[in-house]
Amino acid sequence: MNSMFIRLAVTVIAFLLVIPEKSLVAADKEPIIIRDISVASGTKVTTDISIAAHKANTSVPITVVNGNKPGPTLLLLAGVHGSEYSPIVAMQKLAPKLNPQDISGAVIIVHIANMPAYLGRTVYTSPIDDKNLNRVFPGTPDGSLTERIAYFLTSELYPLADAVLDMHSGDGNEQLRPSWTGYYGTAGSEDVIKASRAMAHAFGIEYIVEFQWELTNIENAIWAGSAAIAKNIPSIDVEAGGMGIYDEQAIAQIEDGVRRIMSHMGITDEVFPAKPPAKIITDRQSIKAPENGSWVPLIDAGNKVNKGDLIGYMTDWHGNRIFEAKAPIDGLLLLRFEAPPALKGETLAVVATTTK
């Protein structure tokens, strides 16, 4: 009897010794809770979060991947502008590939932050309240629908995050080349700036914009990325693709870049080949439409231009030329208006200078 008990005890101990370490860790790892949704460690949940305002309502589709092992949480935002499709499609491709067993920490994906603009195929603003989601952060709990979407993101998702990627492309009427990442070079604490800069490089795109002038007062953090900085969360912007098309190259760039960020943060153990050092964009100058009219583009984005080069021009409704958009500096034509309709104050083109 005693010998049988000893053999049984030895067998139990041996069994415990071969239990995978991640299973033991998973039992101690806290679930991720968003409203009434609890995502246990080692699981993945896809769901829609309802947002309602007065007579208007919408939903925000999200995927939560809670890894088996402890680690940082990465928040990925797509569709802040509804007609910027590249990051939306990239996240739809990435989410099914993420296995909680391979994740240390967690990944939260917001697939389409601005569903009204996505379904309405509108640029910049929502057809519900005519507000630009990327201009109303941190939002308000009792405002318009767009303001409530921003409030949901900043009050319920941002507190879960150790880093935020705000992913965009040129809007449906914008030609954007080449792709770039951006970070706030002077806003936030030294640690946040350092971490954001490292993320911008880790993403692996050729160009990086150092935002130097956009956010001089943290109280004016009206953009999704700057709202994260205001909460002391490292954040970068991503810009790839544009013109409202299915851009396979931009989609692949974004998916690859997100995977590189996950590896950089230790969320996965994927190994990637090194990329050449990024070119740093130190200055961007915009050309604005002086009045309403029709836009005629002449030079494609991605080309080098010299100061004074004619990038395009505007006409009145009868075809008479009323404004010439000339390059304000030597540099790279980073963004250019694509569609003919142009409203007073809209950005017709952006020319950037780089360190290389």
Protein backbone atom coordinates (compact mmCIF):
# COMPACT_ATOMS: atom_id res chain seq x y z
CA MET A 1 0.00 0.00 0.00
CA ASN A 2 2.75 2.42 0.93
CA SER A 3 4.72 1.62 -2.23
CA MET A 4 1.63 2.25 -4.38
CA PHE A 5 1.14 5.64 -2.69
CA ILE A 6 4.77 6.57 -3.32
CA ARG A 7 4.54 5.58 -7.01
CA LEU A 8 1.35 7.64 -7.39
CA ALA A 9 2.98 10.67 -5.76
CA VAL A 10 6.01 10.39 -8.02
CA THR A 11 3.75 10.19 -11.08
CA VAL A 12 1.80 13.32 -10.05
CA ILE A 13 5.01 15.30 -9.44
CA ALA A 14 6.44 14.23 -12.79
CA PHE A 15 3.23 15.29 -14.54
CA LEU A 16 3.34 18.73 -12.90
CA LEU A 17 6.93 19.23 -13.96
CA VAL A 18 6.11 18.86 -17.65
CA ILE A 19 3.13 21.27 -17.70
CA PRO A 20 4.09 24.04 -20.16
CA GLU A 21 5.23 27.20 -18.39
CA LYS A 22 2.76 29.40 -20.33
CA SER A 23 -0.16 27.42 -18.92
CA LEU A 24 0.98 28.13 -15.37
CA VAL A 25 1.44 31.81 -16.18
CA ALA A 26 -1.92 32.03 -17.96
CA ALA A 27 -3.74 31.05 -14.78
CA ASP A 28 -2.33 34.14 -13.02
CA LYS A 29 -2.78 36.61 -15.88
CA GLU A 30 -5.69 39.02 -15.54
CA PRO A 31 -8.45 39.10 -18.15
CA ILE A 32 -8.94 42.20 -20.29
CA ILE A 33 -12.30 43.76 -19.51
CA ILE A 34 -14.07 46.18 -21.85
CA ARG A 35 -17.58 46.99 -20.66
CA ASP A 36 -19.34 43.63 -20.18
CA ILE A 37 -16.75 41.72 -22.22
CA SER A 38 -14.07 39.75 -20.41
CA VAL A 39 -11.22 38.30 -22.47
CA ALA A 40 -9.37 35.64 -20.51
CA SER A 41 -5.66 35.02 -20.97
CA GLY A 42 -4.90 32.75 -23.88
CA THR A 43 -8.06 33.72 -25.77
CA LYS A 44 -9.17 35.98 -28.63
CA VAL A 45 -12.50 37.78 -28.84
CA THR A 46 -14.02 39.73 -31.73
CA THR A 47 -16.97 41.95 -30.92
CA ASP A 48 -18.75 45.21 -31.67
CA ILE A 49 -18.97 48.02 -29.13
CA SER A 50 -22.15 50.09 -29.34
CA ILE A 51 -21.96 53.89 -29.23
CA ALA A 52 -25.18 55.87 -29.02
CA ALA A 53 -25.91 59.61 -29.03
CA HIS A 54 -29.44 61.00 -29.01
CA LYS A 55 -31.08 59.58 -32.17
CA ALA A 56 -27.80 58.44 -33.76
CA ASN A 57 -25.89 55.27 -32.99
CA THR A 58 -23.04 53.20 -34.36
CA SER A 59 -20.70 50.37 -33.45
CA VAL A 60 -16.94 49.99 -33.23
CA PRO A 61 -15.67 46.53 -34.27
CA ILE A 62 -12.71 45.38 -32.18
CA THR A 63 -10.53 42.31 -31.75
CA VAL A 64 -8.87 41.59 -28.42
CA VAL A 65 -6.03 39.07 -28.30
CA ASN A 66 -5.04 38.37 -24.70
CA GLY A 67 -1.82 36.38 -24.74
CA ASN A 68 -0.89 33.48 -22.53
CA LYS A 69 2.06 35.30 -21.01
CA PRO A 70 2.40 38.69 -19.33
CA GLY A 71 3.66 41.64 -21.34
CA PRO A 72 2.69 45.03 -22.74
CA THR A 73 -0.59 45.89 -24.46
CA LEU A 74 -0.58 47.41 -27.94
CA LEU A 75 -3.62 49.36 -29.17
CA LEU A 76 -4.03 49.55 -32.94
CA LEU A 77 -6.41 52.17 -34.36
CA ALA A 78 -7.70 52.00 -37.93
CA GLY A 79 -10.53 53.83 -39.64
CA VAL A 80 -10.40 57.07 -37.65
CA HIS A 81 -11.06 58.51 -41.09
CA GLY A 82 -13.58 56.30 -42.84
CA SER A 83 -12.20 56.60 -46.38
CA GLU A 84 -8.63 55.70 -45.42
CA TYR A 85 -8.82 52.05 -46.31
CA SER A 86 -5.26 50.68 -46.18
CA PRO A 87 -5.00 50.33 -42.38
CA ILE A 88 -8.55 49.00 -42.17
CA VAL A 89 -7.82 46.18 -44.61
CA ALA A 90 -4.39 45.54 -43.07
CA MET A 91 -5.95 44.97 -39.64
CA GLN A 92 -8.65 42.72 -41.13
CA LYS A 93 -5.83 40.63 -42.57
CA LEU A 94 -3.69 40.66 -39.43
CA ALA A 95 -6.27 39.86 -36.75
CA PRO A 96 -7.07 36.28 -37.85
CA LYS A 97 -3.35 35.46 -37.87
CA LEU A 98 -2.75 36.43 -34.24
CA ASN A 99 -2.62 33.41 -31.94
CA PRO A 100 -2.93 34.11 -28.19
CA GLN A 101 -0.49 31.26 -27.56
CA ASP A 102 2.21 33.27 -29.36
CA ILE A 103 1.46 36.57 -27.59
CA SER A 104 3.12 38.01 -24.50
CA GLY A 105 0.80 40.73 -23.28
CA ALA A 106 -2.10 41.71 -25.49
CA VAL A 107 -3.12 43.32 -28.77
CA ILE A 108 -6.32 45.34 -29.10
CA ILE A 109 -7.40 46.18 -32.65
CA VAL A 110 -9.97 48.83 -33.46
CA HIS A 111 -10.87 47.84 -37.01
CA ILE A 112 -13.04 50.83 -37.96
CA ALA A 113 -13.20 53.63 -35.41
CA ASN A 114 -15.47 55.80 -37.56
CA MET A 115 -18.11 53.46 -38.95
CA PRO A 116 -20.51 56.26 -40.08
CA ALA A 117 -17.77 57.78 -42.27
CA TYR A 118 -16.75 54.34 -43.55
CA LEU A 119 -20.27 53.37 -44.61
CA GLY A 120 -20.98 56.89 -45.86
CA ARG A 121 -17.75 56.92 -47.92
CA THR A 122 -17.06 60.44 -46.69
CA VAL A 123 -13.66 62.12 -46.37
CA TYR A 124 -12.52 63.87 -43.20
CA THR A 125 -15.90 64.11 -41.45
CA SER A 126 -18.81 61.95 -40.34
CA PRO A 127 -22.09 62.22 -42.28
CA ILE A 128 -23.93 62.04 -38.96
CA ASP A 129 -22.66 65.23 -37.33
CA ASP A 130 -20.18 66.66 -39.87
CA LYS A 131 -17.34 66.38 -37.33
CA ASN A 132 -13.80 65.13 -37.94
CA LEU A 133 -13.05 62.34 -35.44
CA ASN A 134 -9.36 63.19 -35.57
CA ARG A 135 -10.09 66.73 -34.37
CA VAL A 136 -12.34 66.08 -31.35
CA PHE A 137 -10.15 64.03 -29.00
CA PRO A 138 -10.34 63.30 -26.12
CA GLY A 139 -14.07 63.52 -26.79
CA THR A 140 -16.97 63.93 -24.41
CA PRO A 141 -19.43 61.40 -22.93
CA ASP A 142 -22.49 63.54 -23.71
CA GLY A 143 -21.49 65.13 -27.03
CA SER A 144 -22.30 64.24 -30.62
CA LEU A 145 -21.76 60.73 -31.95
CA THR A 146 -18.23 61.51 -33.21
CA GLU A 147 -17.28 63.04 -29.86
CA ARG A 148 -18.62 59.97 -28.03
CA ILE A 149 -16.56 57.64 -30.22
CA ALA A 150 -13.44 59.62 -29.27
CA TYR A 151 -14.45 59.46 -25.61
CA PHE A 152 -14.90 55.68 -25.76
CA LEU A 153 -11.42 55.28 -27.20
CA THR A 154 -9.67 57.57 -24.73
CA SER A 155 -11.60 56.61 -21.60
CA GLU A 156 -12.03 52.85 -22.09
CA LEU A 157 -9.28 51.62 -24.44
CA TYR A 158 -6.35 54.01 -23.89
CA PRO A 159 -6.08 53.14 -20.17
CA LEU A 160 -5.45 49.51 -21.20
CA ALA A 161 -2.63 50.40 -23.58
CA ASP A 162 1.15 50.67 -23.18
CA ALA A 163 1.48 51.99 -26.75
CA VAL A 164 -0.89 53.33 -29.42
CA LEU A 165 -0.56 53.16 -33.21
CA ASP A 166 -2.88 55.62 -34.97
CA MET A 167 -2.94 54.34 -38.56
CA HIS A 168 -4.02 56.41 -41.55
CA SER A 169 -3.55 56.82 -45.29
CA GLY A 170 -4.17 59.67 -47.65
CA ASP A 171 -7.92 60.26 -47.53
CA GLY A 172 -10.20 59.36 -50.42
CA ASN A 173 -9.27 62.59 -52.24
CA GLU A 174 -5.54 62.57 -51.41
CA GLN A 175 -2.51 61.08 -53.15
CA LEU A 176 0.12 60.26 -50.53
CA ARG A 177 3.62 58.99 -51.33
CA PRO A 178 5.85 57.74 -49.89
CA SER A 179 4.55 56.08 -46.73
CA TRP A 180 5.76 57.42 -43.40
CA THR A 181 5.52 57.15 -39.64
CA GLY A 182 5.45 60.11 -37.30
CA TYR A 183 5.96 60.86 -33.63
CA TYR A 184 5.79 63.94 -31.40
CA GLY A 185 9.37 65.07 -30.98
CA THR A 186 8.76 67.74 -28.35
CA ALA A 187 5.48 66.78 -26.64
CA GLY A 188 5.21 64.53 -23.59
CA SER A 189 7.83 63.29 -21.15
CA GLU A 190 11.35 62.36 -22.20
CA ASP A 191 10.52 58.68 -21.72
CA VAL A 192 7.41 58.92 -23.91
CA ILE A 193 9.31 60.79 -26.65
CA LYS A 194 12.12 58.23 -26.54
CA ALA A 195 9.73 55.27 -26.69
CA SER A 196 7.69 56.87 -29.50
CA ARG A 197 10.82 57.59 -31.52
CA ALA A 198 11.96 53.98 -31.13
CA MET A 199 8.58 52.73 -32.33
CA ALA A 200 8.67 55.01 -35.37
CA HIS A 201 12.03 53.52 -36.36
CA ALA A 202 10.99 49.96 -35.52
CA PHE A 203 7.99 50.16 -37.88
CA GLY A 204 10.49 49.99 -40.73
CA ILE A 205 9.18 52.55 -43.24
CA GLU A 206 11.66 54.68 -45.19
CA TYR A 207 10.50 58.09 -43.89
CA ILE A 208 9.83 59.38 -40.38
CA VAL A 209 8.22 62.72 -39.56
CA GLU A 210 9.31 64.40 -36.34
CA PHE A 211 6.30 66.46 -35.29
CA GLN A 212 7.94 69.57 -33.87
CA TRP A 213 5.30 72.26 -34.23
CA GLU A 214 1.93 70.49 -34.29
CA LEU A 215 1.53 70.13 -30.52
CA THR A 216 2.93 73.06 -28.57
CA ASN A 217 0.36 72.70 -25.79
CA ILE A 218 -0.59 69.25 -24.52
CA GLU A 219 -4.02 70.62 -23.62
CA ASN A 220 -4.71 70.92 -27.35
CA ALA A 221 -4.23 67.21 -28.00
CA ILE A 222 -7.19 66.92 -30.40
CA TRP A 223 -5.76 64.07 -32.52
CA ALA A 224 -5.93 60.36 -31.70
CA GLY A 225 -2.14 60.07 -31.42
CA SER A 226 -1.62 63.26 -29.44
CA ALA A 227 -4.42 62.27 -27.05
CA ALA A 228 -2.34 59.20 -26.19
CA ILE A 229 0.72 61.39 -25.58
CA ALA A 230 -1.40 63.55 -23.27
CA LYS A 231 -2.12 60.40 -21.26
CA ASN A 232 1.61 59.60 -21.12
CA ILE A 233 1.29 56.71 -23.58
CA PRO A 234 3.92 56.35 -26.34
CA SER A 235 2.28 56.76 -29.74
CA ILE A 236 3.08 57.00 -33.42
CA ASP A 237 1.12 57.89 -36.52
CA VAL A 238 1.28 55.76 -39.66
CA GLU A 239 0.45 57.04 -43.16
CA ALA A 240 0.38 54.60 -46.09
CA GLY A 241 -1.81 54.46 -49.19
CA GLY A 242 -4.62 56.79 -50.22
CA MET A 243 -7.11 57.88 -52.88
CA GLY A 244 -9.79 55.50 -51.61
CA ILE A 245 -8.35 52.45 -53.36
CA TYR A 246 -7.33 48.94 -52.36
CA ASP A 247 -3.56 49.49 -52.25
CA GLU A 248 -1.89 46.10 -51.79
CA GLN A 249 1.57 47.56 -51.29
CA ALA A 250 0.41 49.94 -48.54
CA ILE A 251 -1.64 47.22 -46.88
CA ALA A 252 1.40 44.92 -46.80
CA GLN A 253 3.58 47.75 -45.45
CA ILE A 254 1.20 48.37 -42.58
CA GLU A 255 0.82 44.71 -41.64
CA ASP A 256 4.59 44.20 -41.74
CA GLY A 257 5.17 47.35 -39.71
CA VAL A 258 2.70 46.33 -37.01
CA ARG A 259 4.37 42.93 -36.75
CA ARG A 260 7.72 44.68 -36.35
CA ILE A 261 6.29 46.84 -33.57
CA MET A 262 4.95 43.74 -31.80
CA SER A 263 8.40 42.18 -31.99
CA HIS A 264 10.04 45.44 -30.87
CA MET A 265 7.79 45.55 -27.78
CA GLY A 266 8.40 41.89 -26.93
CA ILE A 267 4.79 40.91 -27.64
CA THR A 268 6.01 38.31 -30.14
CA ASP A 269 9.37 36.68 -30.76
CA GLU A 270 9.31 37.15 -34.55
CA VAL A 271 12.65 38.12 -36.06
CA PHE A 272 12.84 40.52 -38.99
CA PRO A 273 15.68 41.55 -41.29
CA ALA A 274 17.06 44.99 -40.61
CA LYS A 275 15.89 47.92 -42.72
CA PRO A 276 18.11 50.80 -43.91
CA PRO A 277 18.15 53.84 -41.59
CA ALA A 278 15.08 56.01 -42.03
CA LYS A 279 15.14 59.44 -43.63
CA ILE A 280 13.91 62.03 -41.14
CA ILE A 281 11.45 64.66 -42.34
CA THR A 282 12.26 67.84 -40.44
CA ASP A 283 9.94 70.33 -42.10
CA ARG A 284 6.59 70.17 -43.89
CA GLN A 285 5.02 73.12 -45.65
CA SER A 286 1.45 73.11 -46.94
CA ILE A 287 -0.24 74.92 -49.80
CA LYS A 288 -3.86 75.84 -49.04
CA ALA A 289 -6.73 76.60 -51.40
CA PRO A 290 -7.35 80.37 -51.21
CA GLU A 291 -10.99 79.97 -52.24
CA ASN A 292 -13.45 77.43 -53.58
CA GLY A 293 -12.69 76.13 -57.03
CA SER A 294 -11.53 73.21 -59.17
CA TRP A 295 -8.08 71.68 -58.71
CA VAL A 296 -5.85 70.55 -61.59
CA PRO A 297 -2.86 68.46 -60.35
CA LEU A 298 0.35 68.40 -62.39
CA ILE A 299 3.02 66.54 -60.35
CA ASP A 300 2.51 63.20 -58.59
CA ALA A 301 3.24 62.81 -54.90
CA GLY A 302 6.57 61.10 -54.22
CA ASN A 303 8.49 63.30 -56.66
CA LYS A 304 11.21 65.77 -55.73
CA VAL A 305 10.33 69.39 -56.45
CA ASN A 306 12.26 72.64 -56.45
CA LYS A 307 11.06 75.87 -54.94
CA GLY A 308 8.75 77.55 -57.43
CA ASP A 309 7.79 74.41 -59.35
CA LEU A 310 4.14 74.40 -60.40
CA ILE A 311 2.50 71.48 -58.58
CA GLY A 312 -1.00 72.27 -59.85
CA TYR A 313 -3.48 75.08 -60.22
CA MET A 314 -7.08 76.00 -59.45
CA THR A 315 -9.75 77.29 -61.77
CA ASP A 316 -13.11 78.90 -61.25
CA TRP A 317 -16.30 77.11 -62.33
CA HIS A 318 -15.76 78.29 -65.92
CA GLY A 319 -12.22 76.96 -66.24
CA ASN A 320 -10.39 80.25 -65.72
CA ARG A 321 -7.14 79.86 -63.78
CA ILE A 322 -7.42 81.61 -60.39
CA PHE A 323 -4.51 80.20 -58.37
CA GLU A 324 -1.17 78.50 -58.99
CA ALA A 325 0.19 76.11 -56.34
CA LYS A 326 3.98 76.45 -56.44
CA ALA A 327 6.42 74.53 -54.26
CA PRO A 328 7.31 76.77 -51.29
CA ILE A 329 10.65 74.99 -50.74
CA ASP A 330 12.93 72.41 -52.32
CA GLY A 331 11.90 68.95 -51.16
CA LEU A 332 9.70 65.90 -51.50
CA LEU A 333 6.07 66.23 -52.60
CA LEU A 334 4.59 64.20 -49.77
CA LEU A 335 0.87 64.70 -50.36
CA ARG A 336 -1.20 66.10 -53.19
CA PHE A 337 -4.91 66.70 -53.65
CA GLU A 338 -6.37 64.27 -56.19
CA ALA A 339 -10.01 65.23 -56.73
CA PRO A 340 -11.03 68.38 -58.61
CA PRO A 341 -13.39 69.91 -55.99
CA ALA A 342 -11.37 72.08 -53.59
CA LEU A 343 -12.76 74.15 -50.74
CA LYS A 344 -11.21 77.27 -49.30
CA GLY A 345 -8.61 76.35 -46.68
CA GLU A 346 -8.13 72.74 -47.79
CA THR A 347 -4.57 71.44 -48.19
CA LEU A 348 -3.73 71.10 -51.87
CA ALA A 349 -0.17 69.85 -51.38
CA VAL A 350 2.52 69.23 -48.77
CA VAL A 351 6.24 69.59 -49.51
CA ALA A 352 8.74 68.14 -47.03
CA THR A 353 12.47 68.43 -46.44
CA THR A 354 14.51 65.51 -45.10
CA THR A 355 17.87 64.90 -43.46
CA LYS A 356 19.02 62.87 -46.47
